[in-house]
Protein backbone atom coordinates (compact mmCIF):
# COMPACT_ATOMS: atom_id res chain seq x y z
CA MET A 1 63.97 84.65 112.23
CA THR A 2 66.87 83.12 114.16
CA PRO A 3 66.16 83.27 117.92
CA ALA A 4 69.43 83.99 119.75
CA THR A 5 69.12 81.18 122.27
CA ALA A 6 72.87 81.38 122.94
CA PHE A 7 72.11 84.63 124.80
CA LYS A 8 69.35 83.21 127.00
CA GLY A 9 69.47 84.81 130.44
CA LYS A 10 72.02 87.43 129.32
CA SER A 11 71.58 91.17 129.71
CA VAL A 12 72.21 92.91 126.39
CA ALA A 13 72.32 96.55 125.31
CA VAL A 14 71.51 97.15 121.64
CA PHE A 15 72.40 100.46 120.03
CA GLY A 16 71.15 101.43 116.58
CA LEU A 17 67.52 100.80 115.67
CA GLY A 18 67.51 100.66 111.91
CA GLY A 19 66.38 97.49 110.15
CA SER A 20 69.22 95.25 111.35
CA GLY A 21 69.09 96.72 114.85
CA ARG A 22 65.40 95.96 115.28
CA ALA A 23 65.96 92.46 113.85
CA THR A 24 68.69 91.97 116.46
CA VAL A 25 66.38 93.01 119.29
CA ARG A 26 63.65 90.64 118.10
CA SER A 27 66.14 87.78 117.86
CA LEU A 28 67.57 88.38 121.34
CA VAL A 29 64.14 88.67 122.95
CA ALA A 30 62.97 85.49 121.21
CA GLY A 31 66.07 83.73 122.49
CA GLY A 32 65.41 84.69 126.10
CA ALA A 33 67.78 87.64 126.62
CA GLU A 34 66.98 90.74 128.68
CA VAL A 35 67.36 93.61 126.23
CA VAL A 36 67.54 97.40 126.41
CA ALA A 37 67.53 99.06 122.98
CA PHE A 38 68.38 102.67 122.18
CA ASP A 39 69.28 105.04 119.35
CA ASP A 40 70.53 108.61 119.07
CA SER A 41 67.39 109.28 117.02
CA ALA A 42 64.28 109.83 119.14
CA GLU A 43 62.21 108.80 116.12
CA GLY A 44 64.12 105.52 115.94
CA VAL A 45 63.44 104.78 119.59
CA ALA A 46 59.76 105.67 119.21
CA ARG A 47 59.40 103.41 116.17
CA ALA A 48 60.99 100.47 118.03
CA ALA A 49 58.78 101.05 121.07
CA ALA A 50 55.71 101.20 118.83
CA GLU A 51 56.69 97.73 117.56
CA GLY A 52 56.71 96.47 121.13
CA LEU A 53 60.49 96.28 121.44
CA PRO A 54 62.12 96.97 124.83
CA THR A 55 63.74 100.41 124.82
CA GLY A 56 65.49 102.50 127.42
CA ASP A 57 67.86 105.45 127.68
CA LEU A 58 71.33 103.88 127.67
CA ARG A 59 72.85 107.29 128.42
CA ALA A 60 71.53 107.08 131.98
CA MET A 61 72.44 103.42 132.61
CA ASP A 62 75.41 101.75 134.28
CA PHE A 63 76.88 99.50 131.61
CA ALA A 64 78.19 97.12 134.27
CA ARG A 65 74.70 95.59 134.25
CA PHE A 66 75.18 94.33 130.69
CA ASP A 67 76.93 91.24 129.39
CA SER A 68 77.20 92.59 125.84
CA LEU A 69 76.75 95.74 123.78
CA VAL A 70 75.46 95.02 120.29
CA LEU A 71 76.21 97.83 117.83
CA ALA A 72 74.60 98.43 114.47
CA PRO A 73 77.36 98.31 111.82
CA GLY A 74 76.97 101.98 110.93
CA VAL A 75 77.99 103.10 114.45
CA PRO A 76 81.69 104.05 114.75
CA LEU A 77 83.70 101.51 116.75
CA THR A 78 87.14 103.14 116.50
CA HIS A 79 87.30 105.90 113.86
CA PRO A 80 86.89 108.79 113.48
CA THR A 81 86.10 108.58 117.22
CA PRO A 82 84.41 105.76 119.15
CA HIS A 83 80.71 106.24 119.75
CA TRP A 84 79.73 107.13 123.33
CA THR A 85 78.24 103.68 123.87
CA VAL A 86 81.59 102.15 122.92
CA GLU A 87 83.35 104.28 125.51
CA LYS A 88 80.84 103.28 128.19
CA ALA A 89 81.11 99.60 127.31
CA LYS A 90 84.91 99.63 127.35
CA ALA A 91 84.98 101.41 130.69
CA ALA A 92 82.71 98.73 132.14
CA GLY A 93 84.61 95.83 130.53
CA VAL A 94 81.61 94.86 128.39
CA GLU A 95 82.17 93.08 125.07
CA ILE A 96 81.15 94.93 121.89
CA ILE A 97 79.71 92.81 119.10
CA GLY A 98 77.32 92.90 116.14
CA ASP A 99 74.56 90.78 114.64
CA ILE A 100 76.97 88.59 112.63
CA GLU A 101 78.65 87.56 115.88
CA ILE A 102 75.29 86.67 117.43
CA PHE A 103 74.55 84.44 114.44
CA CYS A 104 77.97 82.77 114.67
CA ARG A 105 77.44 81.95 118.36
CA GLU A 106 73.95 80.63 117.68
CA ARG A 107 75.26 78.43 114.87
CA ARG A 108 77.94 76.96 117.13
CA ALA A 109 75.34 76.35 119.82
CA ILE A 110 72.63 74.63 117.77
CA ALA A 111 74.16 73.46 114.45
CA PRO A 112 77.97 73.77 114.38
CA ASP A 113 78.23 71.92 111.07
CA ALA A 114 75.59 74.03 109.32
CA PRO A 115 76.97 75.31 105.98
CA PHE A 116 77.77 79.02 106.17
CA VAL A 117 79.36 81.03 103.36
CA ALA A 118 80.57 84.56 104.15
CA ILE A 119 81.64 86.94 101.39
CA THR A 120 83.63 90.16 101.57
CA GLY A 121 85.83 92.42 99.42
CA THR A 122 85.85 96.05 98.38
CA ASN A 123 83.91 95.47 95.14
CA GLY A 124 81.66 92.70 93.87
CA LYS A 125 80.37 91.45 97.23
CA SER A 126 76.68 91.74 96.45
CA THR A 127 76.89 90.15 93.00
CA THR A 128 79.00 87.26 94.29
CA THR A 129 76.73 86.72 97.28
CA ALA A 130 73.65 86.64 95.07
CA LEU A 131 75.40 84.36 92.57
CA ILE A 132 76.44 81.86 95.26
CA ALA A 133 72.90 81.79 96.66
CA HIS A 134 71.55 81.29 93.12
CA LEU A 135 73.94 78.37 92.45
CA VAL A 136 73.06 76.77 95.79
CA ARG A 137 69.35 76.98 94.96
CA HIS A 138 70.00 75.73 91.44
CA ALA A 139 71.55 72.66 93.08
CA GLY A 140 68.27 72.07 94.92
CA LEU A 141 69.40 73.29 98.33
CA ASP A 142 67.86 75.82 100.74
CA ALA A 143 69.86 79.05 100.52
CA GLN A 144 69.29 81.80 103.07
CA MET A 145 70.82 85.01 101.71
CA GLY A 146 71.35 88.19 103.72
CA GLY A 147 73.70 90.24 105.86
CA ASN A 148 74.93 93.36 104.11
CA ILE A 149 72.65 92.54 101.19
CA GLY A 150 68.90 92.66 101.66
CA VAL A 151 67.76 90.78 104.75
CA ALA A 152 69.40 91.22 108.17
CA ILE A 153 71.17 88.00 109.13
CA LEU A 154 69.04 87.42 112.23
CA ASP A 155 65.87 87.72 110.15
CA LEU A 156 66.96 84.62 108.21
CA GLU A 157 65.89 81.12 109.21
CA PRO A 158 68.07 79.45 111.87
CA PRO A 159 71.19 77.51 110.86
CA SER A 160 70.75 73.81 110.20
CA ALA A 161 72.59 71.00 108.44
CA THR A 162 70.20 71.21 105.46
CA ARG A 163 70.25 74.99 105.06
CA VAL A 164 73.05 77.07 103.52
CA HIS A 165 73.51 80.62 104.81
CA VAL A 166 75.09 82.91 102.22
CA VAL A 167 76.01 86.16 103.93
CA GLU A 168 77.60 89.34 102.60
CA CYS A 169 79.83 90.96 105.22
CA SER A 170 81.03 94.55 105.18
CA SER A 171 84.21 95.55 107.01
CA TYR A 172 82.02 97.20 109.65
CA GLN A 173 80.25 93.91 110.32
CA ILE A 174 83.46 91.89 110.41
CA ASP A 175 84.91 94.36 112.91
CA LEU A 176 82.04 93.46 115.25
CA ALA A 177 82.34 89.68 114.75
CA PRO A 178 85.44 88.52 116.65
CA SER A 179 84.64 84.80 116.30
CA LEU A 180 83.50 84.82 112.66
CA ASP A 181 83.99 81.22 111.50
CA PRO A 182 82.23 80.41 108.20
CA SER A 183 82.46 77.06 106.46
CA VAL A 184 83.62 78.97 103.38
CA GLY A 185 85.04 82.49 103.47
CA VAL A 186 85.35 84.47 100.22
CA MET A 187 87.72 87.43 99.75
CA LEU A 188 87.27 89.11 96.38
CA ASN A 189 89.56 92.13 96.28
CA LEU A 190 90.89 95.00 98.34
CA SER A 191 91.42 98.64 97.48
CA GLU A 192 91.29 101.78 99.62
CA ASP A 193 87.81 102.25 101.05
CA HIS A 194 86.16 103.25 104.33
CA LEU A 195 89.46 104.56 105.72
CA GLU A 196 87.49 107.19 107.63
CA ARG A 197 86.18 104.28 109.71
CA HIS A 198 89.31 102.12 109.86
CA GLY A 199 92.13 104.66 109.94
CA THR A 200 94.62 103.01 107.59
CA MET A 201 94.66 100.58 104.69
CA GLU A 202 96.56 98.15 106.93
CA ASN A 203 93.76 98.15 109.50
CA TYR A 204 91.12 97.80 106.80
CA ALA A 205 92.92 94.81 105.25
CA ALA A 206 93.48 93.18 108.65
CA ILE A 207 89.76 93.39 109.41
CA LYS A 208 88.86 91.88 106.05
CA GLN A 209 91.39 89.08 106.55
CA ARG A 210 89.61 87.92 109.69
CA LEU A 211 86.73 86.60 107.58
CA VAL A 212 88.91 84.19 105.62
CA ALA A 213 91.34 83.49 108.46
CA GLY A 214 88.51 82.01 110.53
CA SER A 215 86.98 79.94 107.72
CA ASP A 216 87.29 76.20 107.11
CA VAL A 217 87.98 76.94 103.43
CA ALA A 218 89.26 80.35 102.28
CA VAL A 219 88.52 81.36 98.69
CA ILE A 220 90.73 84.32 97.79
CA ALA A 221 91.09 86.15 94.47
CA ARG A 222 94.71 86.99 93.73
CA ASP A 223 94.08 89.90 91.35
CA ASP A 224 95.34 92.62 93.69
CA ALA A 225 98.59 92.59 95.65
CA VAL A 226 96.98 92.88 99.10
CA SER A 227 94.65 89.91 98.57
CA ALA A 228 97.41 87.84 96.95
CA ALA A 229 99.66 88.44 99.97
CA MET A 230 96.79 87.51 102.26
CA ALA A 231 96.42 84.17 100.49
CA GLU A 232 100.11 83.42 100.89
CA ARG A 233 100.06 84.28 104.61
CA LEU A 234 97.12 81.97 105.24
CA LYS A 235 98.71 79.16 103.22
CA ALA A 236 101.91 79.54 105.25
CA ALA A 237 99.83 79.33 108.43
CA GLY A 238 98.45 75.98 107.29
CA ARG A 239 94.98 77.18 106.36
CA ARG A 240 93.03 75.57 103.50
CA VAL A 241 93.14 78.20 100.74
CA VAL A 242 91.68 78.10 97.23
CA VAL A 243 93.10 80.85 95.01
CA VAL A 244 91.08 82.15 92.06
CA SER A 245 91.46 84.97 89.54
CA GLU A 246 89.54 86.94 86.97
CA THR A 247 92.04 85.50 84.45
CA ASP A 248 91.14 81.87 85.21
CA PRO A 249 89.49 80.37 82.11
CA ILE A 250 85.71 80.45 82.34
CA ASP A 251 83.03 80.55 79.68
CA LEU A 252 80.49 83.23 80.57
CA SER A 253 79.18 83.70 77.03
CA GLY A 254 75.79 82.34 78.03
CA ALA A 255 75.62 84.35 81.26
CA ARG A 256 74.45 87.79 80.13
CA ALA A 257 74.31 89.07 83.73
CA LEU A 258 78.01 88.33 84.21
CA ARG A 259 79.72 90.45 81.57
CA GLY A 260 83.23 91.81 82.09
CA ALA A 261 86.49 90.73 83.70
CA HIS A 262 85.31 91.74 87.16
CA ASN A 263 82.43 89.29 86.83
CA ALA A 264 84.87 86.56 85.81
CA GLN A 265 86.44 87.09 89.23
CA ASN A 266 83.02 86.97 90.88
CA ALA A 267 82.01 83.83 88.98
CA ASN A 268 85.26 81.95 89.66
CA ALA A 269 85.01 82.80 93.36
CA ALA A 270 81.37 81.66 93.45
CA LEU A 271 82.19 78.39 91.69
CA ALA A 272 85.01 77.69 94.15
CA ALA A 273 82.70 78.43 97.08
CA VAL A 274 79.90 76.10 95.98
CA ARG A 275 82.43 73.43 95.02
CA ALA A 276 83.64 73.55 98.63
CA LEU A 277 80.04 72.93 99.70
CA GLY A 278 79.88 69.82 97.51
CA VAL A 279 77.95 71.18 94.53
CA ALA A 280 78.98 69.34 91.34
CA ASP A 281 80.75 71.43 88.70
CA ASP A 282 78.29 70.61 85.92
CA VAL A 283 75.37 71.70 88.11
CA ALA A 284 77.13 74.92 89.10
CA TYR A 285 78.15 75.82 85.55
CA ALA A 286 74.59 75.26 84.35
CA GLY A 287 73.42 77.66 87.05
CA LEU A 288 75.61 80.50 85.76
CA ALA A 289 73.49 80.89 82.63
CA THR A 290 70.28 81.39 84.60
CA PHE A 291 71.66 83.97 87.05
CA PRO A 292 69.48 87.07 86.65
CA GLY A 293 72.00 89.49 88.15
CA LEU A 294 71.23 92.24 90.63
CA ALA A 295 69.11 95.29 90.04
CA HIS A 296 71.18 98.37 89.18
CA ARG A 297 74.41 96.37 88.74
CA MET A 298 74.97 95.77 85.01
CA GLU A 299 71.26 94.93 84.83
CA GLU A 300 69.92 94.36 81.33
CA VAL A 301 66.64 96.21 80.79
CA ALA A 302 64.29 95.14 78.01
CA GLY A 303 63.75 97.91 75.49
CA PRO A 304 62.63 98.39 71.90
CA GLY A 305 64.56 97.48 68.78
CA ARG A 306 67.97 95.88 68.61
CA THR A 307 69.61 98.02 71.30
CA THR A 308 70.78 96.54 74.61
CA PHE A 309 70.07 98.80 77.59
CA ILE A 310 72.24 98.37 80.72
CA ASN A 311 71.28 99.79 84.12
CA ASP A 312 74.49 100.21 86.13
CA SER A 313 73.18 102.87 88.51
CA LYS A 314 75.24 101.28 91.32
CA ALA A 315 78.34 102.74 89.61
CA THR A 316 78.62 105.71 91.96
CA ASN A 317 82.31 106.34 91.23
CA ALA A 318 84.81 106.12 88.38
CA ASP A 319 86.20 102.77 89.55
CA SER A 320 82.81 101.10 89.21
CA ALA A 321 82.06 102.77 85.88
CA GLU A 322 85.43 101.58 84.57
CA LYS A 323 84.34 97.96 84.95
CA ALA A 324 81.15 98.64 83.02
CA LEU A 325 82.90 100.48 80.18
CA ALA A 326 85.46 97.69 79.91
CA SER A 327 82.68 95.15 79.39
CA PHE A 328 81.61 96.38 75.92
CA PRO A 329 83.43 97.24 72.69
CA LYS A 330 81.38 100.41 72.12
CA VAL A 331 78.70 102.22 74.13
CA PHE A 332 76.31 105.14 74.05
CA TRP A 333 77.14 106.29 77.58
CA ILE A 334 74.76 108.08 79.95
CA LEU A 335 76.62 109.51 82.94
CA GLY A 336 76.52 112.25 85.56
CA GLY A 337 75.01 113.13 88.90
CA LYS A 338 76.70 114.46 92.01
CA PRO A 339 80.41 114.20 91.18
CA LYS A 340 83.01 112.43 93.30
CA THR A 341 86.60 113.61 93.78
CA GLY A 342 88.58 113.09 90.58
CA GLY A 343 85.52 113.08 88.35
CA VAL A 344 86.02 110.81 85.32
CA ASP A 345 89.73 111.53 84.79
CA ALA A 346 90.60 107.91 85.61
CA LEU A 347 88.37 106.75 82.73
CA VAL A 348 90.28 108.56 79.97
CA PRO A 349 91.92 105.31 78.72
CA LEU A 350 88.42 103.93 78.03
CA PHE A 351 87.03 106.98 76.20
CA SER A 352 87.77 105.24 72.88
CA LYS A 353 84.87 102.91 73.71
CA VAL A 354 82.40 105.80 73.88
CA THR A 355 80.50 106.44 70.66
CA LYS A 356 78.73 109.36 72.32
CA ALA A 357 78.16 110.59 75.88
CA TYR A 358 74.87 111.89 77.31
CA LEU A 359 75.39 114.04 80.41
CA ILE A 360 72.96 114.56 83.28
CA GLY A 361 72.99 116.24 86.67
CA GLU A 362 75.43 118.51 88.52
CA ALA A 363 78.52 116.92 87.01
CA SER A 364 77.61 117.87 83.43
CA PRO A 365 79.85 120.95 83.00
CA ALA A 366 82.95 119.36 84.49
CA PHE A 367 82.45 116.03 82.74
CA ALA A 368 81.79 117.79 79.44
CA ALA A 369 85.11 119.61 79.71
CA THR A 370 87.00 116.37 80.31
CA LEU A 371 85.26 114.52 77.50
CA ARG A 372 85.68 117.38 74.98
CA ALA A 373 89.39 117.54 75.80
CA HIS A 374 89.61 113.98 74.49
CA ASP A 375 87.37 114.52 71.44
CA VAL A 376 84.41 112.51 72.74
CA ALA A 377 81.09 113.44 71.11
CA LEU A 378 78.60 114.51 73.77
CA VAL A 379 75.37 116.27 74.57
CA GLU A 380 74.25 117.77 77.90
CA LEU A 381 70.64 116.79 78.57
CA GLY A 382 70.09 117.29 82.30
CA THR A 383 67.71 114.44 83.10
CA ILE A 384 67.62 110.67 82.67
CA ASP A 385 64.48 110.53 80.55
CA ARG A 386 65.88 112.97 78.00
CA ALA A 387 69.23 111.17 77.95
CA VAL A 388 67.60 107.78 77.44
CA ALA A 389 65.47 109.06 74.56
CA ALA A 390 68.47 110.63 72.80
CA ALA A 391 70.83 107.70 73.39
CA ALA A 392 68.23 105.16 72.26
CA ALA A 393 67.57 107.08 69.03
CA ASP A 394 71.29 107.37 68.24
CA ALA A 395 71.94 103.72 69.06
CA GLU A 396 69.09 102.47 66.88
CA ALA A 397 70.22 104.67 63.97
CA SER A 398 73.87 103.56 64.25
CA ASP A 399 75.54 100.98 62.04
CA GLN A 400 76.69 98.98 65.07
CA ALA A 401 75.62 95.33 64.97
CA GLU A 402 74.78 95.24 68.69
CA PRO A 403 74.43 98.82 69.99
CA VAL A 404 74.57 99.30 73.76
CA VAL A 405 73.11 102.15 75.82
CA LEU A 406 75.04 102.08 79.09
CA PHE A 407 73.80 103.99 82.13
CA SER A 408 76.87 103.97 84.37
CA PRO A 409 76.84 107.38 86.07
CA ALA A 410 80.29 107.46 87.80
CA CYS A 411 78.59 109.76 90.32
CA ALA A 412 76.54 109.77 93.48
CA SER A 413 72.80 110.16 92.96
CA PHE A 414 72.09 112.85 95.53
CA ASP A 415 71.66 115.80 93.19
CA GLN A 416 68.43 114.42 91.73
CA PHE A 417 67.64 111.17 93.62
CA PRO A 418 67.72 109.94 97.25
CA ASN A 419 69.78 106.87 96.33
CA PHE A 420 71.16 104.88 93.40
CA GLU A 421 68.17 102.51 93.50
CA LYS A 422 65.68 105.28 92.78
CA ARG A 423 67.99 106.56 90.05
CA GLY A 424 68.15 103.11 88.48
CA ASP A 425 64.38 102.82 88.70
CA ALA A 426 64.12 106.08 86.75
CA PHE A 427 66.40 104.72 84.03
CA ARG A 428 64.40 101.50 83.82
CA ALA A 429 61.13 103.45 83.62
CA ALA A 430 62.53 105.65 80.86
CA VAL A 431 63.57 102.60 78.82
CA GLN A 432 60.19 100.96 79.36
CA GLY A 433 58.59 104.23 78.31
CA LEU A 434 60.36 103.91 74.96
CA GLU A 435 58.77 100.49 74.51
CA ALA A 436 55.34 101.89 75.39
CA ALA A 437 55.76 104.81 73.00
CA LYS A 438 56.72 102.45 70.19
CA ALA A 439 53.69 100.29 70.87
């Protein structure tokens, strides 16, 4: 844990008592702040109180007593409408921040030169964050990884000169971190996302830009027009900018967890980031081959026979599935679930890569119509276990030298599973069941 000693003696309201919210309260209390924590969920308040955290009804309190309001990132700051705590804080002239900001202030207070890498972008954040942390550890350094991936930032060990913090930042978190100042800031890409929380694409991009604008070294991928323009603006402002691209030459043939052009972007950004930290190129390149990847993101699952099984359950929309399809010459494709707007229409140009499709979930009828209209062989099977069994049998019987069964659903999971992780677990279990049956 990182005690927030920079807030010693301060009075702080914390709203939102999920995992990161409770970590924030623990950090503030350990640092000597006076804290009142609350949540709109009575169960959330009760759980925090049961853990011994200081709670109180912020609805009945005068916010003039507080120095800061700390919001959980999921709480609306501006759109669609500001949360009631935001309105109360603004009326009382109280600053509104998040846990990333607390970490930044603590770093400046106790170890201003501590290496700190912050990563953002619309897609690829988690993979790039995990890859940077992996390369840092491969170089023999202490990497503390967290933020929007896995561990809340204030649950990580405190910043120090010998410890590298590698932190994924969502736009929500950046919006609550006005003094975000990493050693290395990484911007991967920008496309329309979360506009219900940010109003316009311009606002969304401006929030994302703050991460790299405040960094000592800005690593920016130029593969979309918005990010490319951002790099040019920062260069013109005299900032230190390193521009990378998915088209930059890089040999990922030995890195099975980094297939596809999108992962070339991730890898080039990660290499630039660790280079800025002083990691030698030969050490970093050697680390690429041992990167295991992330669960449910183009994850290779061991199965029977010569077939490669890929768990890409994180592909909850067509844009994500497009990257997976583009990574292989031919696939036996398992897809479906709770459909998103537009279905799989955007994937038509990649249908030539599909040897056969295996449909599951609510989306089956609509997806089947689209696929049949483009002469794609398919079968509707309803559930993951049935789809895996059929796809595995067809792949093994095919004349393809390296058959691939790709589970990239292009759908939300909520028709059959509570989240994409549980859905990916079901795919993995089905593949492992094939191995057990063979044995």
